[in-house]
Amino acid sequence: MMRKSVHTKDYAAFLELLIEIRHRVGITQAQLGQQLPFEQPAISKIERGERRVDVIELKMVCDSLGIKLHDFIAELEERLSKHD
């Protein structure tokens, strides 16, 4: 049986990058939650891997963090290639 993607090294790298970019931008989970249709508790669950984020939500998060979705994906791809 295949394990869920949230329990993989790749998903951990995804979450690490998401958190790193939020820190780089210098905003808190609460501040990010104020810009989104889901609030701080959901941001916390996403960052802990307890709540999955779909591609539309990821785009909203990226927009709120001031990063283009394709730039986020490119940076993630680069990190994932280093894991291989």
C-alpha atoms as a PDB file:
ATOM      1  CA  MET A   1       0.000   0.000   0.000  1.00  0.00           C
ATOM      2  CA  MET A   2       1.348   3.416  -0.953  1.00  0.00           C
ATOM      3  CA  ARG A   3       1.731   5.880   1.892  1.00  0.00           C
ATOM      4  CA  LYS A   4       0.067   9.282   1.720  1.00  0.00           C
ATOM      5  CA  SER A   5       2.147  12.059   0.204  1.00  0.00           C
ATOM      6  CA  VAL A   6       1.962  14.105   3.409  1.00  0.00           C
ATOM      7  CA  HIS A   7       4.238  11.507   5.009  1.00  0.00           C
ATOM      8  CA  THR A   8       7.039  11.809   2.469  1.00  0.00           C
ATOM      9  CA  LYS A   9      10.326  13.693   2.390  1.00  0.00           C
ATOM     10  CA  ASP A  10       9.024  15.622  -0.627  1.00  0.00           C
ATOM     11  CA  TYR A  11       6.005  16.907   1.283  1.00  0.00           C
ATOM     12  CA  ALA A  12       8.249  17.815   4.212  1.00  0.00           C
ATOM     13  CA  ALA A  13      10.391  19.848   1.776  1.00  0.00           C
ATOM     14  CA  PHE A  14       7.213  21.520   0.464  1.00  0.00           C
ATOM     15  CA  LEU A  15       6.179  22.545   3.980  1.00  0.00           C
ATOM     16  CA  GLU A  16       9.699  23.663   4.866  1.00  0.00           C
ATOM     17  CA  LEU A  17       9.760  25.938   1.816  1.00  0.00           C
ATOM     18  CA  LEU A  18       6.303  27.334   2.561  1.00  0.00           C
ATOM     19  CA  ILE A  19       7.344  28.217   6.109  1.00  0.00           C
ATOM     20  CA  GLU A  20      10.710  29.572   4.974  1.00  0.00           C
ATOM     21  CA  ILE A  21       9.087  31.912   2.460  1.00  0.00           C
ATOM     22  CA  ARG A  22       6.592  33.168   5.052  1.00  0.00           C
ATOM     23  CA  HIS A  23       9.514  33.898   7.394  1.00  0.00           C
ATOM     24  CA  ARG A  24      11.506  35.483   4.549  1.00  0.00           C
ATOM     25  CA  VAL A  25       8.600  37.839   3.861  1.00  0.00           C
ATOM     26  CA  GLY A  26       8.385  38.575   7.572  1.00  0.00           C
ATOM     27  CA  ILE A  27       4.733  37.888   8.308  1.00  0.00           C
ATOM     28  CA  THR A  28       3.117  35.786  10.992  1.00  0.00           C
ATOM     29  CA  GLN A  29       0.599  33.020  10.499  1.00  0.00           C
ATOM     30  CA  ALA A  30      -2.073  35.379  11.853  1.00  0.00           C
ATOM     31  CA  GLN A  31      -1.146  38.108   9.368  1.00  0.00           C
ATOM     32  CA  LEU A  32      -1.188  35.612   6.515  1.00  0.00           C
ATOM     33  CA  GLY A  33      -4.537  34.253   7.693  1.00  0.00           C
ATOM     34  CA  GLN A  34      -6.029  37.760   7.596  1.00  0.00           C
ATOM     35  CA  GLN A  35      -5.299  37.883   3.859  1.00  0.00           C
ATOM     36  CA  LEU A  36      -6.860  34.486   3.108  1.00  0.00           C
ATOM     37  CA  PRO A  37     -10.312  32.917   3.345  1.00  0.00           C
ATOM     38  CA  PHE A  38      -8.910  30.612   6.054  1.00  0.00           C
ATOM     39  CA  GLU A  39      -7.429  31.950   9.288  1.00  0.00           C
ATOM     40  CA  GLN A  40      -4.365  31.335  11.465  1.00  0.00           C
ATOM     41  CA  PRO A  41      -5.433  27.937  12.829  1.00  0.00           C
ATOM     42  CA  ALA A  42      -5.660  26.590   9.264  1.00  0.00           C
ATOM     43  CA  ILE A  43      -2.249  28.096   8.411  1.00  0.00           C
ATOM     44  CA  SER A  44      -0.791  26.360  11.460  1.00  0.00           C
ATOM     45  CA  LYS A  45      -2.346  23.024  10.476  1.00  0.00           C
ATOM     46  CA  ILE A  46      -1.041  23.397   6.918  1.00  0.00           C
ATOM     47  CA  GLU A  47       2.483  24.154   8.145  1.00  0.00           C
ATOM     48  CA  ARG A  48       2.402  21.165  10.538  1.00  0.00           C
ATOM     49  CA  GLY A  49       1.175  18.870   7.775  1.00  0.00           C
ATOM     50  CA  GLU A  50      -2.166  18.244   9.461  1.00  0.00           C
ATOM     51  CA  ARG A  51      -4.144  19.898   6.676  1.00  0.00           C
ATOM     52  CA  ARG A  52      -3.425  19.434   2.996  1.00  0.00           C
ATOM     53  CA  VAL A  53      -3.365  22.430   0.735  1.00  0.00           C
ATOM     54  CA  ASP A  54      -4.737  22.193  -2.791  1.00  0.00           C
ATOM     55  CA  VAL A  55      -3.235  24.018  -5.759  1.00  0.00           C
ATOM     56  CA  ILE A  56      -5.805  26.849  -5.658  1.00  0.00           C
ATOM     57  CA  GLU A  57      -5.126  27.435  -1.960  1.00  0.00           C
ATOM     58  CA  LEU A  58      -1.390  27.291  -2.655  1.00  0.00           C
ATOM     59  CA  LYS A  59      -1.810  29.975  -5.303  1.00  0.00           C
ATOM     60  CA  MET A  60      -3.704  32.164  -2.811  1.00  0.00           C
ATOM     61  CA  VAL A  61      -0.947  31.650  -0.217  1.00  0.00           C
ATOM     62  CA  CYS A  62       1.759  32.438  -2.756  1.00  0.00           C
ATOM     63  CA  ASP A  63      -0.084  35.567  -3.903  1.00  0.00           C
ATOM     64  CA  SER A  64      -0.390  36.706  -0.281  1.00  0.00           C
ATOM     65  CA  LEU A  65       3.323  36.070   0.250  1.00  0.00           C
ATOM     66  CA  GLY A  66       4.213  38.008  -2.891  1.00  0.00           C
ATOM     67  CA  ILE A  67       5.651  35.048  -4.788  1.00  0.00           C
ATOM     68  CA  LYS A  68       4.423  33.728  -8.111  1.00  0.00           C
ATOM     69  CA  LEU A  69       3.148  30.157  -7.975  1.00  0.00           C
ATOM     70  CA  HIS A  70       5.548  29.107 -10.742  1.00  0.00           C
ATOM     71  CA  ASP A  71       8.485  30.589  -8.795  1.00  0.00           C
ATOM     72  CA  PHE A  72       7.439  28.636  -5.698  1.00  0.00           C
ATOM     73  CA  ILE A  73       7.188  25.445  -7.761  1.00  0.00           C
ATOM     74  CA  ALA A  74      10.585  26.104  -9.393  1.00  0.00           C
ATOM     75  CA  GLU A  75      12.220  26.557  -5.990  1.00  0.00           C
ATOM     76  CA  LEU A  76      10.502  23.407  -4.725  1.00  0.00           C
ATOM     77  CA  GLU A  77      11.636  21.446  -7.791  1.00  0.00           C
ATOM     78  CA  GLU A  78      15.208  22.577  -7.175  1.00  0.00           C
ATOM     79  CA  ARG A  79      15.076  21.396  -3.567  1.00  0.00           C
ATOM     80  CA  LEU A  80      13.482  18.091  -4.508  1.00  0.00           C
ATOM     81  CA  SER A  81      16.148  17.419  -7.129  1.00  0.00           C
ATOM     82  CA  LYS A  82      18.778  17.758  -4.389  1.00  0.00           C
ATOM     83  CA  HIS A  83      16.977  15.039  -2.390  1.00  0.00           C
ATOM     84  CA  ASP A  84      17.312  12.497  -5.216  1.00  0.00           C
END
